[in-house]
Amino acid sequence: MKALTNDEKVKVKNKNKKTANAESDAKALKKNYELKPTFRLALLGLLTAIMFIMNFTPLGYLRTPALSITFMTVPVIIAAILLKPVDAAIIGGIFGLTSFISAVTGGSALTGALFQISPWMTAVLCFVPRILEGFLGALIFRGLRKIDKTKMISYAVTSLAVDRKRHDLFYEHTVYPFLQCRAYP
């Protein structure tokens, strides 16, 4: 076996240092991303409070006579980026709860009319797409975060995907059962 020269020994040491630094950087990144339970709970409470404030004040919806344009997806997107998928699904469920409250109280013309046809399907329409919005948004962010070093693309794609995905995939397909319902016997 051949003995290593001084230059080769230095190269081996540098290679080992780079590997050790990369491993410690990965551990530090993972440690920084994991939230402490109290901070996580406080963030969930804060986002929940923001959702209720937005729902019961003009901040959350731009209301027109025919429909309501919502800004309530912003806290769900924030939860999808900052929290785990289950926590983002909880915030999505809060969004569904506020939408269902609006349907029951007549705050939204469309969901109010759908509530008159079928309360059960209105609950499905309000909760399922919004819970999946938070859950899948967080999964999209976590998947993109692994391949995107700057995270700018991850933020942009997650914010755009959460709102479009909810509308295109979930909302349009959950309205279809209402077309099957009959308002008369």
C-alpha atoms as a PDB file:
ATOM      1  CA  MET A   1       0.000   0.000   0.000  1.00  0.00           C
ATOM      2  CA  LYS A   2       1.251   3.398  -0.994  1.00  0.00           C
ATOM      3  CA  ALA A   3       1.831   6.101   1.628  1.00  0.00           C
ATOM      4  CA  LEU A   4      -0.023   9.393   1.191  1.00  0.00           C
ATOM      5  CA  THR A   5       1.892  12.553   0.467  1.00  0.00           C
ATOM      6  CA  ASN A   6       1.319  15.706   2.473  1.00  0.00           C
ATOM      7  CA  ASP A   7      -0.840  17.219  -0.303  1.00  0.00           C
ATOM      8  CA  GLU A   8      -3.036  14.118  -0.424  1.00  0.00           C
ATOM      9  CA  LYS A   9      -3.405  14.141   3.380  1.00  0.00           C
ATOM     10  CA  VAL A  10      -4.541  17.782   3.276  1.00  0.00           C
ATOM     11  CA  LYS A  11      -7.096  16.943   0.547  1.00  0.00           C
ATOM     12  CA  VAL A  12      -8.516  14.070   2.619  1.00  0.00           C
ATOM     13  CA  LYS A  13      -8.771  16.316   5.714  1.00  0.00           C
ATOM     14  CA  ASN A  14     -10.547  19.052   3.718  1.00  0.00           C
ATOM     15  CA  LYS A  15     -12.964  16.512   2.261  1.00  0.00           C
ATOM     16  CA  ASN A  16     -13.778  15.183   5.739  1.00  0.00           C
ATOM     17  CA  LYS A  17     -14.302  18.740   7.040  1.00  0.00           C
ATOM     18  CA  LYS A  18     -16.688  19.556   4.163  1.00  0.00           C
ATOM     19  CA  THR A  19     -18.715  16.424   4.836  1.00  0.00           C
ATOM     20  CA  ALA A  20     -18.874  17.192   8.555  1.00  0.00           C
ATOM     21  CA  ASN A  21     -19.883  20.810   7.847  1.00  0.00           C
ATOM     22  CA  ALA A  22     -22.620  19.722   5.431  1.00  0.00           C
ATOM     23  CA  GLU A  23     -24.011  17.288   8.004  1.00  0.00           C
ATOM     24  CA  SER A  24     -23.964  19.895  10.771  1.00  0.00           C
ATOM     25  CA  ASP A  25     -25.615  22.458   8.442  1.00  0.00           C
ATOM     26  CA  ALA A  26     -28.386  19.965   7.633  1.00  0.00           C
ATOM     27  CA  LYS A  27     -28.929  19.264  11.340  1.00  0.00           C
ATOM     28  CA  ALA A  28     -28.997  22.997  12.135  1.00  0.00           C
ATOM     29  CA  LEU A  29     -31.507  23.645   9.338  1.00  0.00           C
ATOM     30  CA  LYS A  30     -33.757  20.863  10.581  1.00  0.00           C
ATOM     31  CA  LYS A  31     -33.436  22.089  14.172  1.00  0.00           C
ATOM     32  CA  ASN A  32     -34.252  25.680  13.176  1.00  0.00           C
ATOM     33  CA  TYR A  33     -37.297  24.623  11.174  1.00  0.00           C
ATOM     34  CA  GLU A  34     -38.858  22.557  13.956  1.00  0.00           C
ATOM     35  CA  LEU A  35     -41.004  24.763  16.142  1.00  0.00           C
ATOM     36  CA  LYS A  36     -41.240  24.474  19.881  1.00  0.00           C
ATOM     37  CA  PRO A  37     -44.670  23.241  21.028  1.00  0.00           C
ATOM     38  CA  THR A  38     -45.546  26.479  22.830  1.00  0.00           C
ATOM     39  CA  PHE A  39     -44.605  28.611  19.834  1.00  0.00           C
ATOM     40  CA  ARG A  40     -46.573  26.282  17.533  1.00  0.00           C
ATOM     41  CA  LEU A  41     -49.639  26.512  19.764  1.00  0.00           C
ATOM     42  CA  ALA A  42     -49.320  30.296  20.009  1.00  0.00           C
ATOM     43  CA  LEU A  43     -49.051  30.563  16.219  1.00  0.00           C
ATOM     44  CA  LEU A  44     -52.117  28.334  15.774  1.00  0.00           C
ATOM     45  CA  GLY A  45     -54.047  30.534  18.212  1.00  0.00           C
ATOM     46  CA  LEU A  46     -52.911  33.722  16.511  1.00  0.00           C
ATOM     47  CA  LEU A  47     -53.851  32.482  13.040  1.00  0.00           C
ATOM     48  CA  THR A  48     -57.215  31.263  14.368  1.00  0.00           C
ATOM     49  CA  ALA A  49     -57.911  34.682  15.891  1.00  0.00           C
ATOM     50  CA  ILE A  50     -56.930  36.362  12.617  1.00  0.00           C
ATOM     51  CA  MET A  51     -59.319  34.051  10.735  1.00  0.00           C
ATOM     52  CA  PHE A  52     -62.254  34.956  12.993  1.00  0.00           C
ATOM     53  CA  ILE A  53     -61.449  38.674  12.869  1.00  0.00           C
ATOM     54  CA  MET A  54     -61.244  38.540   9.090  1.00  0.00           C
ATOM     55  CA  ASN A  55     -64.527  36.633   8.856  1.00  0.00           C
ATOM     56  CA  PHE A  56     -66.584  38.937  11.056  1.00  0.00           C
ATOM     57  CA  THR A  57     -65.162  42.232   9.758  1.00  0.00           C
ATOM     58  CA  PRO A  58     -64.880  43.526   6.174  1.00  0.00           C
ATOM     59  CA  LEU A  59     -61.173  42.560   6.137  1.00  0.00           C
ATOM     60  CA  GLY A  60     -61.728  38.962   5.042  1.00  0.00           C
ATOM     61  CA  TYR A  61     -64.167  39.321   2.175  1.00  0.00           C
ATOM     62  CA  LEU A  62     -64.774  41.709  -0.676  1.00  0.00           C
ATOM     63  CA  ARG A  63     -68.550  41.307  -0.937  1.00  0.00           C
ATOM     64  CA  THR A  64     -70.417  41.911  -4.166  1.00  0.00           C
ATOM     65  CA  PRO A  65     -74.123  41.292  -4.732  1.00  0.00           C
ATOM     66  CA  ALA A  66     -73.535  37.966  -6.479  1.00  0.00           C
ATOM     67  CA  LEU A  67     -70.462  36.551  -4.781  1.00  0.00           C
ATOM     68  CA  SER A  68     -67.766  37.106  -2.175  1.00  0.00           C
ATOM     69  CA  ILE A  69     -64.079  37.380  -2.982  1.00  0.00           C
ATOM     70  CA  THR A  70     -62.057  36.065  -0.049  1.00  0.00           C
ATOM     71  CA  PHE A  71     -58.734  37.019   1.460  1.00  0.00           C
ATOM     72  CA  MET A  72     -59.120  34.291   4.070  1.00  0.00           C
ATOM     73  CA  THR A  73     -56.640  32.062   2.225  1.00  0.00           C
ATOM     74  CA  VAL A  74     -53.742  34.260   3.385  1.00  0.00           C
ATOM     75  CA  PRO A  75     -53.586  32.789   6.942  1.00  0.00           C
ATOM     76  CA  VAL A  76     -53.948  29.297   5.462  1.00  0.00           C
ATOM     77  CA  ILE A  77     -50.992  29.950   3.143  1.00  0.00           C
ATOM     78  CA  ILE A  78     -48.966  31.287   6.084  1.00  0.00           C
ATOM     79  CA  ALA A  79     -49.814  28.154   8.073  1.00  0.00           C
ATOM     80  CA  ALA A  80     -48.869  25.942   5.114  1.00  0.00           C
ATOM     81  CA  ILE A  81     -45.453  27.606   4.958  1.00  0.00           C
ATOM     82  CA  LEU A  82     -44.667  27.933   8.669  1.00  0.00           C
ATOM     83  CA  LEU A  83     -46.332  24.904  10.238  1.00  0.00           C
ATOM     84  CA  LYS A  84     -46.658  21.173   9.698  1.00  0.00           C
ATOM     85  CA  PRO A  85     -49.321  19.760   7.333  1.00  0.00           C
ATOM     86  CA  VAL A  86     -51.624  18.761  10.203  1.00  0.00           C
ATOM     87  CA  ASP A  87     -51.458  22.263  11.683  1.00  0.00           C
ATOM     88  CA  ALA A  88     -52.130  23.828   8.282  1.00  0.00           C
ATOM     89  CA  ALA A  89     -55.128  21.499   7.950  1.00  0.00           C
ATOM     90  CA  ILE A  90     -56.393  22.777  11.330  1.00  0.00           C
ATOM     91  CA  ILE A  91     -56.203  26.376  10.070  1.00  0.00           C
ATOM     92  CA  GLY A  92     -57.942  25.235   6.874  1.00  0.00           C
ATOM     93  CA  GLY A  93     -60.643  23.697   9.077  1.00  0.00           C
ATOM     94  CA  ILE A  94     -61.055  27.038  10.866  1.00  0.00           C
ATOM     95  CA  PHE A  95     -61.496  28.631   7.434  1.00  0.00           C
ATOM     96  CA  GLY A  96     -64.155  25.998   6.696  1.00  0.00           C
ATOM     97  CA  LEU A  97     -65.875  26.722  10.009  1.00  0.00           C
ATOM     98  CA  THR A  98     -66.022  30.448   9.291  1.00  0.00           C
ATOM     99  CA  SER A  99     -67.382  29.717   5.792  1.00  0.00           C
ATOM    100  CA  PHE A 100     -70.041  27.439   7.250  1.00  0.00           C
ATOM    101  CA  ILE A 101     -71.005  30.096   9.800  1.00  0.00           C
ATOM    102  CA  SER A 102     -71.392  32.549   6.906  1.00  0.00           C
ATOM    103  CA  ALA A 103     -73.562  30.023   5.070  1.00  0.00           C
ATOM    104  CA  VAL A 104     -75.826  29.479   8.078  1.00  0.00           C
ATOM    105  CA  THR A 105     -76.176  33.169   8.932  1.00  0.00           C
ATOM    106  CA  GLY A 106     -76.691  34.233   5.310  1.00  0.00           C
ATOM    107  CA  GLY A 107     -73.402  36.098   5.000  1.00  0.00           C
ATOM    108  CA  SER A 108     -72.739  34.560   1.591  1.00  0.00           C
ATOM    109  CA  ALA A 109     -75.469  34.401  -1.035  1.00  0.00           C
ATOM    110  CA  LEU A 110     -74.125  31.294  -2.792  1.00  0.00           C
ATOM    111  CA  THR A 111     -73.476  29.123   0.249  1.00  0.00           C
ATOM    112  CA  GLY A 112     -76.679  30.431   1.867  1.00  0.00           C
ATOM    113  CA  ALA A 113     -78.656  29.186  -1.139  1.00  0.00           C
ATOM    114  CA  LEU A 114     -76.784  25.878  -1.093  1.00  0.00           C
ATOM    115  CA  PHE A 115     -77.508  25.547   2.635  1.00  0.00           C
ATOM    116  CA  GLN A 116     -81.238  25.777   1.836  1.00  0.00           C
ATOM    117  CA  ILE A 117     -80.892  22.861  -0.582  1.00  0.00           C
ATOM    118  CA  SER A 118     -78.719  20.575   1.533  1.00  0.00           C
ATOM    119  CA  PRO A 119     -77.125  21.519   4.877  1.00  0.00           C
ATOM    120  CA  TRP A 120     -75.038  18.340   4.900  1.00  0.00           C
ATOM    121  CA  MET A 121     -73.545  18.966   1.452  1.00  0.00           C
ATOM    122  CA  THR A 122     -72.923  22.609   2.398  1.00  0.00           C
ATOM    123  CA  ALA A 123     -70.869  21.394   5.369  1.00  0.00           C
ATOM    124  CA  VAL A 124     -68.901  19.104   3.054  1.00  0.00           C
ATOM    125  CA  LEU A 125     -68.438  21.983   0.603  1.00  0.00           C
ATOM    126  CA  CYS A 126     -67.222  24.320   3.351  1.00  0.00           C
ATOM    127  CA  PHE A 127     -64.909  21.973   5.253  1.00  0.00           C
ATOM    128  CA  VAL A 128     -63.335  19.407   2.902  1.00  0.00           C
ATOM    129  CA  PRO A 129     -61.771  21.735   0.296  1.00  0.00           C
ATOM    130  CA  ARG A 130     -60.424  24.100   2.921  1.00  0.00           C
ATOM    131  CA  ILE A 131     -58.904  21.390   5.107  1.00  0.00           C
ATOM    132  CA  LEU A 132     -57.261  19.867   2.049  1.00  0.00           C
ATOM    133  CA  GLU A 133     -56.102  23.337   1.018  1.00  0.00           C
ATOM    134  CA  GLY A 134     -54.020  23.686   4.162  1.00  0.00           C
ATOM    135  CA  PHE A 135     -52.809  20.086   4.262  1.00  0.00           C
ATOM    136  CA  LEU A 136     -51.794  19.794   0.621  1.00  0.00           C
ATOM    137  CA  GLY A 137     -50.361  23.312   0.588  1.00  0.00           C
ATOM    138  CA  ALA A 138     -48.004  22.350   3.409  1.00  0.00           C
ATOM    139  CA  LEU A 139     -47.038  19.155   1.597  1.00  0.00           C
ATOM    140  CA  ILE A 140     -46.308  21.127  -1.579  1.00  0.00           C
ATOM    141  CA  PHE A 141     -44.128  23.554   0.359  1.00  0.00           C
ATOM    142  CA  ARG A 142     -42.233  20.792   2.148  1.00  0.00           C
ATOM    143  CA  GLY A 143     -41.620  18.980  -1.140  1.00  0.00           C
ATOM    144  CA  LEU A 144     -40.402  22.095  -2.931  1.00  0.00           C
ATOM    145  CA  ARG A 145     -38.306  23.236   0.038  1.00  0.00           C
ATOM    146  CA  LYS A 146     -36.057  20.206  -0.363  1.00  0.00           C
ATOM    147  CA  ILE A 147     -35.114  21.069  -3.946  1.00  0.00           C
ATOM    148  CA  ASP A 148     -35.275  24.876  -3.805  1.00  0.00           C
ATOM    149  CA  LYS A 149     -32.264  26.307  -2.009  1.00  0.00           C
ATOM    150  CA  THR A 150     -33.423  29.957  -1.996  1.00  0.00           C
ATOM    151  CA  LYS A 151     -36.999  29.017  -1.014  1.00  0.00           C
ATOM    152  CA  MET A 152     -38.369  31.895  -3.103  1.00  0.00           C
ATOM    153  CA  ILE A 153     -39.839  29.507  -5.668  1.00  0.00           C
ATOM    154  CA  SER A 154     -41.276  27.386  -2.847  1.00  0.00           C
ATOM    155  CA  TYR A 155     -43.078  30.402  -1.381  1.00  0.00           C
ATOM    156  CA  ALA A 156     -44.429  31.557  -4.739  1.00  0.00           C
ATOM    157  CA  VAL A 157     -45.606  28.147  -5.928  1.00  0.00           C
ATOM    158  CA  THR A 158     -47.215  27.328  -2.564  1.00  0.00           C
ATOM    159  CA  SER A 159     -49.116  30.622  -2.437  1.00  0.00           C
ATOM    160  CA  LEU A 160     -50.392  30.264  -5.990  1.00  0.00           C
ATOM    161  CA  ALA A 161     -51.118  26.545  -5.741  1.00  0.00           C
ATOM    162  CA  VAL A 162     -53.114  26.737  -2.516  1.00  0.00           C
ATOM    163  CA  ASP A 163     -55.756  29.089  -3.855  1.00  0.00           C
ATOM    164  CA  ARG A 164     -55.993  27.709  -7.406  1.00  0.00           C
ATOM    165  CA  LYS A 165     -55.981  24.108  -6.218  1.00  0.00           C
ATOM    166  CA  ARG A 166     -58.835  24.723  -3.813  1.00  0.00           C
ATOM    167  CA  HIS A 167     -60.957  26.392  -6.412  1.00  0.00           C
ATOM    168  CA  ASP A 168     -60.226  24.216  -9.429  1.00  0.00           C
ATOM    169  CA  LEU A 169     -59.968  20.771  -7.913  1.00  0.00           C
ATOM    170  CA  PHE A 170     -62.048  20.789  -4.782  1.00  0.00           C
ATOM    171  CA  TYR A 171     -64.664  23.488  -4.974  1.00  0.00           C
ATOM    172  CA  GLU A 172     -65.881  22.778  -8.501  1.00  0.00           C
ATOM    173  CA  HIS A 173     -66.100  19.039  -7.849  1.00  0.00           C
ATOM    174  CA  THR A 174     -67.915  19.376  -4.553  1.00  0.00           C
ATOM    175  CA  VAL A 175     -70.568  21.658  -6.061  1.00  0.00           C
ATOM    176  CA  TYR A 176     -71.525  18.911  -8.522  1.00  0.00           C
ATOM    177  CA  PRO A 177     -73.603  16.908  -5.960  1.00  0.00           C
ATOM    178  CA  PHE A 178     -75.787  19.991  -5.513  1.00  0.00           C
ATOM    179  CA  LEU A 179     -76.723  19.708  -9.159  1.00  0.00           C
ATOM    180  CA  GLN A 180     -77.997  16.229  -8.399  1.00  0.00           C
ATOM    181  CA  CYS A 181     -80.179  17.465  -5.529  1.00  0.00           C
ATOM    182  CA  ARG A 182     -83.715  18.526  -6.253  1.00  0.00           C
ATOM    183  CA  ALA A 183     -85.298  21.472  -4.508  1.00  0.00           C
ATOM    184  CA  TYR A 184     -88.726  19.961  -5.083  1.00  0.00           C
ATOM    185  CA  PRO A 185     -90.084  16.437  -4.393  1.00  0.00           C
END
